[in-house]
Amino acid sequence: MIRPITEDDIPQLFELILDLAEDHHQQMWVTSCPENLISAYRNGKFGAIIAIEEGVPIGYLSYTWNFSIWSGEEFMNLDDLYVVPDYRSKGIGEQLMKEAQRQCQLRNVKRMRWEVQTDNYKAIQFYQRLGATMYNKGIFRWTW
């Protein structure tokens, strides 16, 4: 089953976030906690879609809404797409992306945008199969 999350899903969502961070050897970057995510969710700061099989979460897609001053239009900024390794290559990622597209259509939003690590060839191929186009832009982070 693929569906938008509810507040009750956030503890399980957080476990999947930790799994994704571990997969990419980036656990040190996860400084959030379930309580922080619950507060952010309640305040409309992010949304997510969860994949569940037999009551067990097997993947998620998280996103925020943003606005482009160039196009004058809102867009979905996809934050994470993650599927548990045992469930990969079974169409779960595509189902999550299609539900994200449906969420966009409900808001009359016509564009999604996201980042991908340039050495994540499987993800790049997956996105290209969906019809997405990769732009050559660098990502900067300024932290204080």
Protein backbone atom coordinates (compact mmCIF):
# COMPACT_ATOMS: atom_id res chain seq x y z
CA MET A 1 0.00 0.00 0.00
CA ILE A 2 1.27 3.45 -0.95
CA ARG A 3 -0.25 6.44 0.88
CA PRO A 4 0.54 9.85 2.37
CA ILE A 5 1.83 9.62 5.93
CA THR A 6 -0.11 10.50 9.03
CA GLU A 7 1.43 11.81 12.22
CA ASP A 8 1.28 8.27 13.64
CA ASP A 9 3.66 7.06 10.90
CA ILE A 10 6.47 9.43 11.85
CA PRO A 11 8.35 7.14 14.30
CA GLN A 12 8.50 4.44 11.60
CA LEU A 13 9.37 7.03 8.97
CA PHE A 14 12.28 8.16 11.14
CA GLU A 15 13.60 4.58 11.27
CA LEU A 16 13.56 4.49 7.46
CA ILE A 17 15.39 7.84 7.39
CA LEU A 18 18.10 6.32 9.59
CA ASP A 19 18.28 3.28 7.27
CA LEU A 20 18.78 5.56 4.26
CA ALA A 21 21.51 7.51 6.05
CA GLU A 22 23.26 4.26 6.94
CA ASP A 23 23.02 3.04 3.33
CA HIS A 24 24.85 6.17 2.20
CA HIS A 25 27.28 6.21 5.17
CA GLN A 26 25.83 9.57 6.23
CA GLN A 27 24.46 8.85 9.71
CA MET A 28 26.40 11.83 11.04
CA TRP A 29 24.14 14.21 9.08
CA VAL A 30 20.91 13.03 10.72
CA THR A 31 20.44 15.44 13.61
CA SER A 32 16.65 15.40 13.67
CA CYS A 33 14.45 13.20 15.86
CA PRO A 34 10.85 11.92 15.68
CA GLU A 35 9.60 14.73 17.93
CA ASN A 36 11.16 17.35 15.65
CA LEU A 37 9.56 15.73 12.60
CA ILE A 38 6.15 15.57 14.30
CA SER A 39 6.34 19.30 15.02
CA ALA A 40 7.45 20.08 11.46
CA TYR A 41 4.69 17.87 10.03
CA ARG A 42 2.05 19.56 12.18
CA ASN A 43 3.26 22.93 10.89
CA GLY A 44 3.14 21.86 7.24
CA LYS A 45 6.91 22.01 6.80
CA PHE A 46 7.11 18.67 4.96
CA GLY A 47 5.06 15.82 3.64
CA ALA A 48 5.85 12.19 2.95
CA ILE A 49 4.46 9.15 1.24
CA ILE A 50 5.01 5.74 2.76
CA ALA A 51 5.03 2.24 1.27
CA ILE A 52 3.74 -0.48 3.58
CA GLU A 53 3.58 -4.23 3.05
CA GLU A 54 1.85 -6.46 5.60
CA GLY A 55 1.92 -3.64 8.15
CA VAL A 56 5.66 -3.05 7.77
CA PRO A 57 7.06 0.17 6.23
CA ILE A 58 9.26 -0.70 3.24
CA GLY A 59 9.93 2.72 1.73
CA TYR A 60 9.16 6.40 1.69
CA LEU A 61 9.36 9.59 -0.30
CA SER A 62 9.62 12.89 1.59
CA TYR A 63 9.09 16.33 0.13
CA THR A 64 8.55 20.02 0.71
CA TRP A 65 6.72 22.61 -1.36
CA ASN A 66 8.73 25.46 -2.81
CA PHE A 67 8.24 28.40 -5.15
CA SER A 68 10.31 29.48 -8.15
CA ILE A 69 10.57 33.23 -8.63
CA TRP A 70 11.75 32.59 -12.20
CA SER A 71 8.74 30.55 -13.30
CA GLY A 72 6.34 32.09 -10.81
CA GLU A 73 5.12 28.61 -9.94
CA GLU A 74 5.13 26.29 -6.98
CA PHE A 75 7.04 23.01 -7.26
CA MET A 76 7.60 19.90 -5.18
CA ASN A 77 11.12 19.51 -3.82
CA LEU A 78 11.69 15.80 -3.34
CA ASP A 79 13.90 15.35 -0.28
CA ASP A 80 14.38 11.57 -0.01
CA LEU A 81 13.31 8.48 -1.91
CA TYR A 82 14.18 5.25 -0.14
CA VAL A 83 13.13 1.62 -0.53
CA VAL A 84 14.34 -1.10 1.83
CA PRO A 85 16.94 -3.22 -0.05
CA ASP A 86 14.86 -6.43 -0.07
CA TYR A 87 12.05 -4.58 -1.87
CA ARG A 88 14.06 -2.79 -4.54
CA SER A 89 13.47 -3.46 -8.24
CA LYS A 90 9.86 -4.41 -7.50
CA GLY A 91 8.19 -1.18 -8.60
CA ILE A 92 7.92 0.39 -5.13
CA GLY A 93 10.04 3.43 -6.04
CA GLU A 94 7.98 4.05 -9.15
CA GLN A 95 4.76 3.78 -7.13
CA LEU A 96 6.10 6.31 -4.62
CA MET A 97 7.05 8.68 -7.44
CA LYS A 98 3.63 8.32 -9.09
CA GLU A 99 1.90 9.11 -5.80
CA ALA A 100 4.15 12.17 -5.44
CA GLN A 101 3.09 13.19 -8.94
CA ARG A 102 -0.55 12.72 -7.90
CA GLN A 103 0.00 14.94 -4.84
CA CYS A 104 1.42 17.59 -7.20
CA GLN A 105 -1.59 17.33 -9.48
CA LEU A 106 -3.93 17.82 -6.51
CA ARG A 107 -2.25 21.23 -6.01
CA ASN A 108 -2.03 21.97 -9.73
CA VAL A 109 1.77 21.76 -9.49
CA LYS A 110 3.51 20.73 -12.69
CA ARG A 111 7.10 20.16 -11.60
CA MET A 112 9.19 18.18 -9.15
CA ARG A 113 12.84 18.79 -8.44
CA TRP A 114 15.43 16.84 -6.46
CA GLU A 115 19.11 16.12 -5.98
CA VAL A 116 20.92 12.86 -6.58
CA GLN A 117 24.48 11.88 -5.87
CA THR A 118 26.31 11.87 -9.19
CA ASP A 119 27.78 8.43 -8.50
CA ASN A 120 24.36 6.87 -7.75
CA TYR A 121 24.00 5.43 -11.24
CA LYS A 122 21.07 3.15 -10.42
CA ALA A 123 19.05 6.09 -9.11
CA ILE A 124 19.96 8.23 -12.11
CA GLN A 125 18.86 5.47 -14.49
CA PHE A 126 15.64 5.01 -12.52
CA TYR A 127 14.79 8.72 -12.74
CA GLN A 128 15.64 8.82 -16.44
CA ARG A 129 13.34 5.82 -17.07
CA LEU A 130 10.56 7.87 -15.49
CA GLY A 131 11.29 10.65 -17.98
CA ALA A 132 13.12 13.03 -15.63
CA THR A 133 15.98 15.18 -16.90
CA MET A 134 19.22 15.71 -15.00
CA TYR A 135 20.57 19.26 -14.92
CA ASN A 136 24.24 19.98 -14.41
CA LYS A 137 24.24 22.17 -11.29
CA GLY A 138 26.39 22.03 -8.20
CA ILE A 139 25.01 22.08 -4.69
CA PHE A 140 26.43 24.37 -2.05
CA ARG A 141 25.80 24.32 1.69
CA TRP A 142 26.55 27.25 3.97
CA THR A 143 26.29 26.36 7.64
CA TRP A 144 26.85 28.48 10.73
